[in-house]
Amino acid sequence: MSFRSQISKLSMGAVALATLSLLTPSAQAAAPESNDPIKIALFDWTSVNLNAKILGGILEKLGYTVEYPTADYLSSLTTGLTNGDLDVGMEFWDTTAGEAMKASDATGQTERLGKLGPKAKEEWWFPEYMKEKCPGLPNWEALKDPKCAEAFSTAETAPKGRYLGGPVTWEGFDDERVEALKLPFTVIHAGTDAAMFAELDSAYQRKAPIMLWIYSPHWAPAKYKGEWVEFPEYTPECYSDPKWGTNPDAKYDCGKPHGEIWKYSWSGMKDKWPVAYKVAKAYTVDTDELNKMSGEIDLGGKTPEDVAAAWIAAHEADWKAWAQ
């Protein structure tokens, strides 16, 4: 669409003029190509929602209408992003969404927009003070010792250890891992990301026993002194072939995979909103910066919108270049 025809569709009121003043000539000529809202998914952890608000804030400055539907993490790859409920998802982790991403790619209705930037790691984690009660850690075989397991127990799980997993929507195969490796642990799933880390903070302050799912990028590995359990290294065969690994009769007898964090879009985004598509594809964020910003929200009480606005203001030259 030409610049002249695009301008003819815009109100020349103060809001439109303010929006246009932010744009370069090439971006003005292309955005917004449609007034339909771009729907960016919100999930159930802090960093993904912060990244959604940063991208959405940029797109709003470029004249787009943005909505933020709350979605299910894994099923969004094969439903929300394919049926029109969502247009963009900002964080899909190789550690937990690998199979769902393959299924999404196979639909032909989504597009992998590239890497977010930070490397993904998720695994069982324990505070350093727990090594006194389970000195074989971080080797996973230490957890098979009933005395070690009992050191991680609570009233609801004793004598078995208690493992606090993420919300069930994250999957992660922790229940299957406990069974496959014959660990005397009970998996308890946190209701929310916030509840999981609130429990960690409470236990850490009291030096109480806790074993839980910790992931990176996140502020927790920097704030709390501890280690990840060292399980047998993940391979794709571990998740698909029972004969692989220490238990020839079960899958998931290994640790969680490591890898990248990916952005996804509905496949029609590039044609319907070309400039927004370019921005989403180009968007990356630094690991340390993301950890710091997530901490400002979870620990400092700031809103995702305020933290996102500060990032957008500080990186104006970057996102304007992405819109070229």
C-alpha atoms as a PDB file:
ATOM      1  CA  MET A   1       0.000   0.000   0.000  1.00  0.00           C
ATOM      2  CA  SER A   2       1.373   3.445  -0.878  1.00  0.00           C
ATOM      3  CA  PHE A   3       2.154   6.065   1.727  1.00  0.00           C
ATOM      4  CA  ARG A   4      -0.536   8.364   0.275  1.00  0.00           C
ATOM      5  CA  SER A   5      -3.278   5.732   0.346  1.00  0.00           C
ATOM      6  CA  GLN A   6      -2.282   4.653   3.829  1.00  0.00           C
ATOM      7  CA  ILE A   7      -2.421   8.227   5.134  1.00  0.00           C
ATOM      8  CA  SER A   8      -5.859   8.683   3.599  1.00  0.00           C
ATOM      9  CA  LYS A   9      -7.138   5.966   5.915  1.00  0.00           C
ATOM     10  CA  LEU A  10      -5.749   7.560   9.045  1.00  0.00           C
ATOM     11  CA  SER A  11      -7.374  10.186  11.170  1.00  0.00           C
ATOM     12  CA  MET A  12      -5.231  13.296  11.207  1.00  0.00           C
ATOM     13  CA  GLY A  13      -5.970  13.884  14.876  1.00  0.00           C
ATOM     14  CA  ALA A  14      -3.321  14.246  17.497  1.00  0.00           C
ATOM     15  CA  VAL A  15      -3.075  10.518  18.266  1.00  0.00           C
ATOM     16  CA  ALA A  16      -2.415   9.557  14.650  1.00  0.00           C
ATOM     17  CA  LEU A  17       0.107  12.354  14.197  1.00  0.00           C
ATOM     18  CA  ALA A  18       1.933  11.282  17.331  1.00  0.00           C
ATOM     19  CA  THR A  19       2.094   7.715  16.068  1.00  0.00           C
ATOM     20  CA  LEU A  20       3.358   8.728  12.643  1.00  0.00           C
ATOM     21  CA  SER A  21       6.072  10.908  14.131  1.00  0.00           C
ATOM     22  CA  LEU A  22       7.691   7.811  15.616  1.00  0.00           C
ATOM     23  CA  LEU A  23       8.053   6.038  12.309  1.00  0.00           C
ATOM     24  CA  THR A  24      10.608   6.107   9.570  1.00  0.00           C
ATOM     25  CA  PRO A  25       9.258   6.748   6.053  1.00  0.00           C
ATOM     26  CA  SER A  26       9.403   3.049   5.116  1.00  0.00           C
ATOM     27  CA  ALA A  27       7.604   1.967   8.278  1.00  0.00           C
ATOM     28  CA  GLN A  28       4.960   4.670   7.792  1.00  0.00           C
ATOM     29  CA  ALA A  29       4.257   3.282   4.365  1.00  0.00           C
ATOM     30  CA  ALA A  30       3.521  -0.192   5.651  1.00  0.00           C
ATOM     31  CA  ALA A  31       2.068  -0.075   9.166  1.00  0.00           C
ATOM     32  CA  PRO A  32      -0.573  -0.685  10.249  1.00  0.00           C
ATOM     33  CA  GLU A  33      -1.480  -2.782   7.228  1.00  0.00           C
ATOM     34  CA  SER A  34      -4.605  -4.083   9.012  1.00  0.00           C
ATOM     35  CA  ASN A  35      -6.549  -2.662  11.925  1.00  0.00           C
ATOM     36  CA  ASP A  36      -7.319  -6.151  13.217  1.00  0.00           C
ATOM     37  CA  PRO A  37      -5.692  -6.737  16.600  1.00  0.00           C
ATOM     38  CA  ILE A  38      -2.445  -8.689  16.776  1.00  0.00           C
ATOM     39  CA  LYS A  39      -2.957 -11.261  19.536  1.00  0.00           C
ATOM     40  CA  ILE A  40       0.190 -11.985  21.575  1.00  0.00           C
ATOM     41  CA  ALA A  41      -0.051 -14.920  23.984  1.00  0.00           C
ATOM     42  CA  LEU A  42       0.324 -14.635  27.734  1.00  0.00           C
ATOM     43  CA  PHE A  43       1.355 -17.805  29.592  1.00  0.00           C
ATOM     44  CA  ASP A  44       1.967 -18.610  33.243  1.00  0.00           C
ATOM     45  CA  TRP A  45       5.469 -17.324  33.939  1.00  0.00           C
ATOM     46  CA  THR A  46       6.995 -13.868  34.216  1.00  0.00           C
ATOM     47  CA  SER A  47       9.557 -13.604  31.428  1.00  0.00           C
ATOM     48  CA  VAL A  48       7.240 -14.702  28.634  1.00  0.00           C
ATOM     49  CA  ASN A  49       4.623 -12.173  29.665  1.00  0.00           C
ATOM     50  CA  LEU A  50       7.255  -9.458  29.901  1.00  0.00           C
ATOM     51  CA  ASN A  51       8.490 -10.265  26.392  1.00  0.00           C
ATOM     52  CA  ALA A  52       4.890 -10.211  25.174  1.00  0.00           C
ATOM     53  CA  LYS A  53       4.365  -6.749  26.670  1.00  0.00           C
ATOM     54  CA  ILE A  54       7.624  -5.452  25.200  1.00  0.00           C
ATOM     55  CA  LEU A  55       6.763  -6.662  21.697  1.00  0.00           C
ATOM     56  CA  GLY A  56       3.187  -5.468  22.070  1.00  0.00           C
ATOM     57  CA  GLY A  57       4.320  -2.059  23.272  1.00  0.00           C
ATOM     58  CA  ILE A  58       6.622  -1.688  20.284  1.00  0.00           C
ATOM     59  CA  LEU A  59       3.842  -2.666  17.893  1.00  0.00           C
ATOM     60  CA  GLU A  60       1.465  -0.201  19.515  1.00  0.00           C
ATOM     61  CA  LYS A  61       4.000   2.554  18.964  1.00  0.00           C
ATOM     62  CA  LEU A  62       4.061   1.502  15.320  1.00  0.00           C
ATOM     63  CA  GLY A  63       0.307   2.024  15.119  1.00  0.00           C
ATOM     64  CA  TYR A  64      -0.971  -1.512  15.592  1.00  0.00           C
ATOM     65  CA  THR A  65      -3.793  -2.676  17.837  1.00  0.00           C
ATOM     66  CA  VAL A  66      -2.602  -5.386  20.230  1.00  0.00           C
ATOM     67  CA  GLU A  67      -4.460  -7.844  22.447  1.00  0.00           C
ATOM     68  CA  TYR A  68      -3.046 -10.254  25.044  1.00  0.00           C
ATOM     69  CA  PRO A  69      -5.087 -13.481  25.323  1.00  0.00           C
ATOM     70  CA  THR A  70      -4.117 -15.896  28.089  1.00  0.00           C
ATOM     71  CA  ALA A  71      -3.309 -19.264  26.518  1.00  0.00           C
ATOM     72  CA  ASP A  72      -2.156 -22.770  27.342  1.00  0.00           C
ATOM     73  CA  TYR A  73       1.577 -23.090  26.761  1.00  0.00           C
ATOM     74  CA  LEU A  74       1.866 -26.341  24.803  1.00  0.00           C
ATOM     75  CA  SER A  75      -1.521 -26.616  23.125  1.00  0.00           C
ATOM     76  CA  SER A  76      -1.192 -23.066  21.798  1.00  0.00           C
ATOM     77  CA  LEU A  77       1.336 -24.383  19.299  1.00  0.00           C
ATOM     78  CA  THR A  78      -1.197 -26.627  17.595  1.00  0.00           C
ATOM     79  CA  THR A  79      -4.454 -24.819  18.383  1.00  0.00           C
ATOM     80  CA  GLY A  80      -4.239 -21.118  19.243  1.00  0.00           C
ATOM     81  CA  LEU A  81      -1.608 -20.297  16.626  1.00  0.00           C
ATOM     82  CA  THR A  82      -3.449 -22.295  13.973  1.00  0.00           C
ATOM     83  CA  ASN A  83      -7.105 -21.394  14.607  1.00  0.00           C
ATOM     84  CA  GLY A  84      -6.875 -17.599  14.856  1.00  0.00           C
ATOM     85  CA  ASP A  85      -6.965 -17.289  18.640  1.00  0.00           C
ATOM     86  CA  LEU A  86      -3.286 -16.228  18.695  1.00  0.00           C
ATOM     87  CA  ASP A  87      -0.872 -14.560  16.307  1.00  0.00           C
ATOM     88  CA  VAL A  88       2.392 -14.625  18.265  1.00  0.00           C
ATOM     89  CA  GLY A  89       3.955 -16.604  21.119  1.00  0.00           C
ATOM     90  CA  MET A  90       7.232 -15.282  22.522  1.00  0.00           C
ATOM     91  CA  GLU A  91       8.763 -18.222  24.412  1.00  0.00           C
ATOM     92  CA  PHE A  92       8.679 -21.888  23.490  1.00  0.00           C
ATOM     93  CA  TRP A  93      11.489 -23.755  25.215  1.00  0.00           C
ATOM     94  CA  ASP A  94      13.354 -26.705  23.707  1.00  0.00           C
ATOM     95  CA  THR A  95      13.445 -28.095  27.254  1.00  0.00           C
ATOM     96  CA  THR A  96       9.695 -28.667  27.486  1.00  0.00           C
ATOM     97  CA  ALA A  97       8.058 -27.829  24.148  1.00  0.00           C
ATOM     98  CA  GLY A  98      10.287 -29.748  21.749  1.00  0.00           C
ATOM     99  CA  GLU A  99       7.665 -32.311  20.730  1.00  0.00           C
ATOM    100  CA  ALA A 100       4.875 -29.730  20.611  1.00  0.00           C
ATOM    101  CA  MET A 101       6.998 -27.535  18.322  1.00  0.00           C
ATOM    102  CA  LYS A 102       7.570 -30.446  15.951  1.00  0.00           C
ATOM    103  CA  ALA A 103       3.822 -31.032  15.833  1.00  0.00           C
ATOM    104  CA  SER A 104       3.237 -27.333  15.249  1.00  0.00           C
ATOM    105  CA  ASP A 105       5.779 -27.221  12.425  1.00  0.00           C
ATOM    106  CA  ALA A 106       4.041 -30.202  10.793  1.00  0.00           C
ATOM    107  CA  THR A 107       0.736 -28.312  10.556  1.00  0.00           C
ATOM    108  CA  GLY A 108       2.192 -25.809   8.093  1.00  0.00           C
ATOM    109  CA  GLN A 109       0.034 -23.172   9.778  1.00  0.00           C
ATOM    110  CA  THR A 110       2.681 -21.726  12.078  1.00  0.00           C
ATOM    111  CA  GLU A 111       6.130 -20.253  11.598  1.00  0.00           C
ATOM    112  CA  ARG A 112       9.149 -20.501  13.849  1.00  0.00           C
ATOM    113  CA  LEU A 113      10.286 -16.869  14.033  1.00  0.00           C
ATOM    114  CA  GLY A 114      13.755 -17.588  15.361  1.00  0.00           C
ATOM    115  CA  LYS A 115      15.569 -17.644  18.675  1.00  0.00           C
ATOM    116  CA  LEU A 116      14.704 -15.292  21.512  1.00  0.00           C
ATOM    117  CA  GLY A 117      18.369 -15.160  22.565  1.00  0.00           C
ATOM    118  CA  PRO A 118      18.839 -16.774  25.988  1.00  0.00           C
ATOM    119  CA  LYS A 119      19.708 -20.461  26.271  1.00  0.00           C
ATOM    120  CA  ALA A 120      17.148 -22.653  28.025  1.00  0.00           C
ATOM    121  CA  LYS A 121      17.930 -24.867  31.018  1.00  0.00           C
ATOM    122  CA  GLU A 122      15.370 -26.494  33.300  1.00  0.00           C
ATOM    123  CA  GLU A 123      16.024 -29.166  35.879  1.00  0.00           C
ATOM    124  CA  TRP A 124      15.559 -30.354  39.440  1.00  0.00           C
ATOM    125  CA  TRP A 125      17.330 -27.907  41.771  1.00  0.00           C
ATOM    126  CA  PHE A 126      18.204 -27.923  45.467  1.00  0.00           C
ATOM    127  CA  PRO A 127      19.712 -25.346  47.865  1.00  0.00           C
ATOM    128  CA  GLU A 128      23.368 -25.868  48.710  1.00  0.00           C
ATOM    129  CA  TYR A 129      22.589 -26.402  52.411  1.00  0.00           C
ATOM    130  CA  MET A 130      20.808 -29.676  51.512  1.00  0.00           C
ATOM    131  CA  LYS A 131      24.116 -31.316  50.535  1.00  0.00           C
ATOM    132  CA  GLU A 132      24.869 -31.777  54.239  1.00  0.00           C
ATOM    133  CA  LYS A 133      21.863 -34.104  54.466  1.00  0.00           C
ATOM    134  CA  CYS A 134      22.425 -35.722  51.081  1.00  0.00           C
ATOM    135  CA  PRO A 135      26.196 -35.566  50.474  1.00  0.00           C
ATOM    136  CA  GLY A 136      26.064 -37.544  47.221  1.00  0.00           C
ATOM    137  CA  LEU A 137      24.398 -34.670  45.411  1.00  0.00           C
ATOM    138  CA  PRO A 138      24.348 -33.363  42.699  1.00  0.00           C
ATOM    139  CA  ASN A 139      24.602 -36.914  41.286  1.00  0.00           C
ATOM    140  CA  TRP A 140      21.028 -38.133  40.770  1.00  0.00           C
ATOM    141  CA  GLU A 141      21.814 -41.573  42.204  1.00  0.00           C
ATOM    142  CA  ALA A 142      22.103 -40.001  45.641  1.00  0.00           C
ATOM    143  CA  LEU A 143      18.349 -39.468  45.526  1.00  0.00           C
ATOM    144  CA  LYS A 144      17.771 -43.245  45.520  1.00  0.00           C
ATOM    145  CA  ASP A 145      19.072 -43.447  49.103  1.00  0.00           C
ATOM    146  CA  PRO A 146      15.991 -43.579  51.386  1.00  0.00           C
ATOM    147  CA  LYS A 147      17.764 -41.361  53.944  1.00  0.00           C
ATOM    148  CA  CYS A 148      18.442 -38.725  51.291  1.00  0.00           C
ATOM    149  CA  ALA A 149      14.868 -38.892  50.037  1.00  0.00           C
ATOM    150  CA  GLU A 150      13.554 -38.555  53.584  1.00  0.00           C
ATOM    151  CA  ALA A 151      15.707 -35.447  54.055  1.00  0.00           C
ATOM    152  CA  PHE A 152      13.627 -33.866  51.271  1.00  0.00           C
ATOM    153  CA  SER A 153      10.310 -35.117  52.662  1.00  0.00           C
ATOM    154  CA  THR A 154       7.424 -33.189  54.150  1.00  0.00           C
ATOM    155  CA  ALA A 155       4.502 -34.350  56.266  1.00  0.00           C
ATOM    156  CA  GLU A 156       2.446 -35.031  53.139  1.00  0.00           C
ATOM    157  CA  THR A 157       5.104 -37.201  51.430  1.00  0.00           C
ATOM    158  CA  ALA A 158       7.197 -38.821  54.212  1.00  0.00           C
ATOM    159  CA  PRO A 159       9.148 -41.009  54.054  1.00  0.00           C
ATOM    160  CA  LYS A 160       9.371 -40.206  50.364  1.00  0.00           C
ATOM    161  CA  GLY A 161      11.052 -37.010  49.256  1.00  0.00           C
ATOM    162  CA  ARG A 162       8.964 -34.167  47.873  1.00  0.00           C
ATOM    163  CA  TYR A 163       9.712 -32.696  44.470  1.00  0.00           C
ATOM    164  CA  LEU A 164       7.923 -29.443  43.647  1.00  0.00           C
ATOM    165  CA  GLY A 165       7.304 -29.445  39.913  1.00  0.00           C
ATOM    166  CA  GLY A 166       6.072 -26.651  37.707  1.00  0.00           C
ATOM    167  CA  PRO A 167       2.415 -26.155  36.800  1.00  0.00           C
ATOM    168  CA  VAL A 168       0.993 -29.197  35.019  1.00  0.00           C
ATOM    169  CA  THR A 169       0.705 -27.232  31.769  1.00  0.00           C
ATOM    170  CA  TRP A 170       4.503 -27.196  31.540  1.00  0.00           C
ATOM    171  CA  GLU A 171       4.648 -31.029  31.422  1.00  0.00           C
ATOM    172  CA  GLY A 172       8.367 -31.855  31.707  1.00  0.00           C
ATOM    173  CA  PHE A 173       7.754 -35.579  32.405  1.00  0.00           C
ATOM    174  CA  ASP A 174       8.773 -35.392  36.065  1.00  0.00           C
ATOM    175  CA  ASP A 175       6.229 -38.014  37.171  1.00  0.00           C
ATOM    176  CA  GLU A 176       7.507 -40.339  34.448  1.00  0.00           C
ATOM    177  CA  ARG A 177      11.145 -39.585  35.374  1.00  0.00           C
ATOM    178  CA  VAL A 178      10.564 -40.494  39.026  1.00  0.00           C
ATOM    179  CA  GLU A 179       9.008 -43.805  38.007  1.00  0.00           C
ATOM    180  CA  ALA A 180      11.603 -44.623  35.333  1.00  0.00           C
ATOM    181  CA  LEU A 181      14.559 -43.916  37.629  1.00  0.00           C
ATOM    182  CA  LYS A 182      12.830 -45.556  40.622  1.00  0.00           C
ATOM    183  CA  LEU A 183      13.268 -42.503  42.813  1.00  0.00           C
ATOM    184  CA  PRO A 184      11.547 -42.550  46.239  1.00  0.00           C
ATOM    185  CA  PHE A 185      10.001 -39.129  45.584  1.00  0.00           C
ATOM    186  CA  THR A 186       6.483 -37.779  45.217  1.00  0.00           C
ATOM    187  CA  VAL A 187       5.879 -35.099  42.586  1.00  0.00           C
ATOM    188  CA  ILE A 188       3.736 -32.185  43.707  1.00  0.00           C
ATOM    189  CA  HIS A 189       2.867 -29.668  40.996  1.00  0.00           C
ATOM    190  CA  ALA A 190       2.787 -25.975  41.874  1.00  0.00           C
ATOM    191  CA  GLY A 191      -0.406 -24.174  40.963  1.00  0.00           C
ATOM    192  CA  THR A 192       1.435 -21.221  39.477  1.00  0.00           C
ATOM    193  CA  ASP A 193       4.943 -20.040  38.711  1.00  0.00           C
ATOM    194  CA  ALA A 194       4.646 -17.383  41.426  1.00  0.00           C
ATOM    195  CA  ALA A 195       3.550 -19.917  44.041  1.00  0.00           C
ATOM    196  CA  MET A 196       6.499 -22.157  43.217  1.00  0.00           C
ATOM    197  CA  PHE A 197       9.057 -19.409  43.765  1.00  0.00           C
ATOM    198  CA  ALA A 198       7.288 -18.097  46.847  1.00  0.00           C
ATOM    199  CA  GLU A 199       7.657 -21.557  48.354  1.00  0.00           C
ATOM    200  CA  LEU A 200      11.337 -21.612  47.421  1.00  0.00           C
ATOM    201  CA  ASP A 201      11.920 -18.267  49.108  1.00  0.00           C
ATOM    202  CA  SER A 202      10.139 -19.357  52.269  1.00  0.00           C
ATOM    203  CA  ALA A 203      12.069 -22.631  52.471  1.00  0.00           C
ATOM    204  CA  TYR A 204      15.400 -20.989  51.702  1.00  0.00           C
ATOM    205  CA  GLN A 205      15.001 -18.398  54.448  1.00  0.00           C
ATOM    206  CA  ARG A 206      14.285 -21.171  56.977  1.00  0.00           C
ATOM    207  CA  LYS A 207      16.854 -23.589  55.516  1.00  0.00           C
ATOM    208  CA  ALA A 208      13.989 -26.020  55.154  1.00  0.00           C
ATOM    209  CA  PRO A 209      14.163 -28.976  52.743  1.00  0.00           C
ATOM    210  CA  ILE A 210      13.124 -28.277  49.185  1.00  0.00           C
ATOM    211  CA  MET A 211      13.723 -29.808  45.776  1.00  0.00           C
ATOM    212  CA  LEU A 212      12.038 -28.058  42.879  1.00  0.00           C
ATOM    213  CA  TRP A 213      11.986 -27.182  39.212  1.00  0.00           C
ATOM    214  CA  ILE A 214      14.239 -24.209  38.506  1.00  0.00           C
ATOM    215  CA  TYR A 215      14.756 -22.775  35.071  1.00  0.00           C
ATOM    216  CA  SER A 216      17.071 -20.323  33.391  1.00  0.00           C
ATOM    217  CA  PRO A 217      16.810 -17.584  32.211  1.00  0.00           C
ATOM    218  CA  HIS A 218      15.394 -16.560  35.589  1.00  0.00           C
ATOM    219  CA  TRP A 219      16.516 -14.528  38.572  1.00  0.00           C
ATOM    220  CA  ALA A 220      16.362 -17.466  41.023  1.00  0.00           C
ATOM    221  CA  PRO A 221      19.683 -19.181  40.157  1.00  0.00           C
ATOM    222  CA  ALA A 222      21.449 -15.881  40.826  1.00  0.00           C
ATOM    223  CA  LYS A 223      19.601 -15.045  44.042  1.00  0.00           C
ATOM    224  CA  TYR A 224      19.769 -18.467  45.705  1.00  0.00           C
ATOM    225  CA  LYS A 225      22.884 -20.610  46.140  1.00  0.00           C
ATOM    226  CA  GLY A 226      22.274 -24.130  44.944  1.00  0.00           C
ATOM    227  CA  GLU A 227      22.781 -26.686  42.195  1.00  0.00           C
ATOM    228  CA  TRP A 228      20.885 -28.614  39.557  1.00  0.00           C
ATOM    229  CA  VAL A 229      20.675 -32.388  39.922  1.00  0.00           C
ATOM    230  CA  GLU A 230      22.878 -34.145  37.383  1.00  0.00           C
ATOM    231  CA  PHE A 231      20.684 -36.755  35.697  1.00  0.00           C
ATOM    232  CA  PRO A 232      21.802 -38.952  32.787  1.00  0.00           C
ATOM    233  CA  GLU A 233      22.225 -36.617  29.813  1.00  0.00           C
ATOM    234  CA  TYR A 234      19.168 -36.190  27.636  1.00  0.00           C
ATOM    235  CA  THR A 235      19.039 -37.642  24.155  1.00  0.00           C
ATOM    236  CA  PRO A 236      15.958 -37.845  21.896  1.00  0.00           C
ATOM    237  CA  GLU A 237      16.055 -41.648  22.261  1.00  0.00           C
ATOM    238  CA  CYS A 238      15.520 -41.293  26.014  1.00  0.00           C
ATOM    239  CA  TYR A 239      12.080 -39.836  25.350  1.00  0.00           C
ATOM    240  CA  SER A 240      11.143 -42.242  22.548  1.00  0.00           C
ATOM    241  CA  ASP A 241      12.860 -45.611  23.130  1.00  0.00           C
ATOM    242  CA  PRO A 242      12.346 -47.472  26.425  1.00  0.00           C
ATOM    243  CA  LYS A 243      15.436 -49.595  25.763  1.00  0.00           C
ATOM    244  CA  TRP A 244      17.660 -46.509  25.972  1.00  0.00           C
ATOM    245  CA  GLY A 245      19.115 -45.692  29.379  1.00  0.00           C
ATOM    246  CA  THR A 246      19.297 -47.282  32.801  1.00  0.00           C
ATOM    247  CA  ASN A 247      15.731 -48.642  32.742  1.00  0.00           C
ATOM    248  CA  PRO A 248      15.139 -50.818  29.662  1.00  0.00           C
ATOM    249  CA  ASP A 249      11.392 -50.836  30.303  1.00  0.00           C
ATOM    250  CA  ALA A 250      10.678 -47.117  30.559  1.00  0.00           C
ATOM    251  CA  LYS A 251      11.167 -43.840  28.749  1.00  0.00           C
ATOM    252  CA  TYR A 252      12.241 -40.576  30.425  1.00  0.00           C
ATOM    253  CA  ASP A 253      15.077 -42.157  32.431  1.00  0.00           C
ATOM    254  CA  CYS A 254      17.261 -39.085  31.836  1.00  0.00           C
ATOM    255  CA  GLY A 255      17.367 -35.373  32.515  1.00  0.00           C
ATOM    256  CA  LYS A 256      15.451 -32.654  30.733  1.00  0.00           C
ATOM    257  CA  PRO A 257      16.756 -31.438  27.372  1.00  0.00           C
ATOM    258  CA  HIS A 258      18.653 -28.167  27.074  1.00  0.00           C
ATOM    259  CA  GLY A 259      18.479 -25.848  24.095  1.00  0.00           C
ATOM    260  CA  GLU A 260      17.003 -22.682  22.697  1.00  0.00           C
ATOM    261  CA  ILE A 261      13.940 -20.559  23.329  1.00  0.00           C
ATOM    262  CA  TRP A 262      11.895 -19.961  20.163  1.00  0.00           C
ATOM    263  CA  LYS A 263       9.335 -17.424  18.998  1.00  0.00           C
ATOM    264  CA  TYR A 264       6.351 -18.569  16.942  1.00  0.00           C
ATOM    265  CA  SER A 265       3.682 -16.902  14.853  1.00  0.00           C
ATOM    266  CA  TRP A 266       0.610 -17.774  12.872  1.00  0.00           C
ATOM    267  CA  SER A 267       1.866 -18.421   9.332  1.00  0.00           C
ATOM    268  CA  GLY A 268      -0.303 -15.685   7.847  1.00  0.00           C
ATOM    269  CA  MET A 269       1.245 -12.936   9.962  1.00  0.00           C
ATOM    270  CA  LYS A 270       3.930 -12.072   7.419  1.00  0.00           C
ATOM    271  CA  ASP A 271       1.311 -11.294   4.772  1.00  0.00           C
ATOM    272  CA  LYS A 272      -1.277  -9.585   6.968  1.00  0.00           C
ATOM    273  CA  TRP A 273       1.099  -7.446   9.075  1.00  0.00           C
ATOM    274  CA  PRO A 274       4.499  -7.415   7.287  1.00  0.00           C
ATOM    275  CA  VAL A 275       6.166  -4.776   9.462  1.00  0.00           C
ATOM    276  CA  ALA A 276       4.922  -6.314  12.710  1.00  0.00           C
ATOM    277  CA  TYR A 277       6.167  -9.654  11.427  1.00  0.00           C
ATOM    278  CA  LYS A 278       9.632  -8.208  10.772  1.00  0.00           C
ATOM    279  CA  VAL A 279       9.764  -6.742  14.269  1.00  0.00           C
ATOM    280  CA  ALA A 280       8.676 -10.003  15.919  1.00  0.00           C
ATOM    281  CA  LYS A 281      11.195 -11.958  13.865  1.00  0.00           C
ATOM    282  CA  ALA A 282      14.043  -9.563  14.711  1.00  0.00           C
ATOM    283  CA  TYR A 283      13.194  -9.234  18.414  1.00  0.00           C
ATOM    284  CA  THR A 284      15.841 -10.587  20.782  1.00  0.00           C
ATOM    285  CA  VAL A 285      16.674  -9.897  24.401  1.00  0.00           C
ATOM    286  CA  ASP A 286      19.870 -10.303  26.443  1.00  0.00           C
ATOM    287  CA  THR A 287      19.870 -13.044  29.093  1.00  0.00           C
ATOM    288  CA  ASP A 288      21.186 -10.902  31.946  1.00  0.00           C
ATOM    289  CA  GLU A 289      18.816  -8.092  31.056  1.00  0.00           C
ATOM    290  CA  LEU A 290      15.849 -10.466  30.980  1.00  0.00           C
ATOM    291  CA  ASN A 291      16.796 -11.927  34.364  1.00  0.00           C
ATOM    292  CA  LYS A 292      17.128  -8.440  35.836  1.00  0.00           C
ATOM    293  CA  MET A 293      13.783  -7.294  34.445  1.00  0.00           C
ATOM    294  CA  SER A 294      12.019 -10.450  35.651  1.00  0.00           C
ATOM    295  CA  GLY A 295      13.431  -9.811  39.116  1.00  0.00           C
ATOM    296  CA  GLU A 296      12.132  -6.238  39.040  1.00  0.00           C
ATOM    297  CA  ILE A 297       8.654  -7.703  38.567  1.00  0.00           C
ATOM    298  CA  ASP A 298       8.769 -10.722  40.880  1.00  0.00           C
ATOM    299  CA  LEU A 299      10.960  -9.236  43.597  1.00  0.00           C
ATOM    300  CA  GLY A 300      10.633  -5.495  43.145  1.00  0.00           C
ATOM    301  CA  GLY A 301       6.886  -5.319  42.689  1.00  0.00           C
ATOM    302  CA  LYS A 302       6.965  -3.501  39.363  1.00  0.00           C
ATOM    303  CA  THR A 303       4.315  -4.224  36.756  1.00  0.00           C
ATOM    304  CA  PRO A 304       5.243  -5.950  33.479  1.00  0.00           C
ATOM    305  CA  GLU A 305       3.852  -2.910  31.663  1.00  0.00           C
ATOM    306  CA  ASP A 306       6.171  -0.499  33.495  1.00  0.00           C
ATOM    307  CA  VAL A 307       9.245  -2.674  32.975  1.00  0.00           C
ATOM    308  CA  ALA A 308       8.344  -3.157  29.310  1.00  0.00           C
ATOM    309  CA  ALA A 309       7.899   0.583  28.810  1.00  0.00           C
ATOM    310  CA  ALA A 310      11.357   1.242  30.256  1.00  0.00           C
ATOM    311  CA  TRP A 311      12.924  -1.312  27.900  1.00  0.00           C
ATOM    312  CA  ILE A 312      11.112   0.148  24.890  1.00  0.00           C
ATOM    313  CA  ALA A 313      12.320   3.646  25.742  1.00  0.00           C
ATOM    314  CA  ALA A 314      15.913   2.477  26.255  1.00  0.00           C
ATOM    315  CA  HIS A 315      15.995   0.467  22.996  1.00  0.00           C
ATOM    316  CA  GLU A 316      14.145   2.809  20.671  1.00  0.00           C
ATOM    317  CA  ALA A 317      16.908   2.798  18.069  1.00  0.00           C
ATOM    318  CA  ASP A 318      16.871  -1.007  17.981  1.00  0.00           C
ATOM    319  CA  TRP A 319      13.165  -1.534  17.395  1.00  0.00           C
ATOM    320  CA  LYS A 320      12.938   1.292  14.892  1.00  0.00           C
ATOM    321  CA  ALA A 321      15.664  -0.469  12.908  1.00  0.00           C
ATOM    322  CA  TRP A 322      13.745  -3.756  13.156  1.00  0.00           C
ATOM    323  CA  ALA A 323      10.756  -2.054  11.515  1.00  0.00           C
ATOM    324  CA  GLN A 324      12.729  -1.052   8.413  1.00  0.00           C
END
